[in-house]
Amino acid sequence: QAQLVESGGGSVQTGGSLRLSCVDSGHIFNRYAMAWFRRPPGKEREFVATINWSGDETYSTNSVRGRFTISRDNAKNTLYLDMDNLKPEDTAVYYCAQDKFSAQIGNMEPAIRDFGRWGQGTQVTVSS
């Protein structure tokens, strides 16, 4: 069964950088929008960033805008999240997800229910 598999998490100090990757073992990666979500300790899962099927449109939540960059390489079936200037409040398990229906994205945060395939998550810990 096709899976989404994240990697690249780890522990860094405040101000550090990480690159998360999400590889899709299936054959429909380039048909749908993708997104990154995260679940901070003791909190609900929250939206981070989303990207349309071709990679030329992105949208991210206010708290990461200017620090995080979402991108994709359809030839490699891979989604990325480049995270710079990390802060302790970025500590969370990060998940990649595939939109159930749409190749496009809007100019607002998408709902979790719009995403049907999820990775297992990768831990990011930022220490002060």
Foldseek 3Di string as FASTA:
>chain_A
DKAWAKDWADEEAAQAKIKMKIAIPDDCLLFFKKFKWWAAPPGDIGGAKIAASVFPDMEGDPVQPPFWDWGDDVVRRMIMIIGGRDDQVVWTWMKMFTFPDHRDDDHDDDDPVRTDHMYPTDTHGYHD
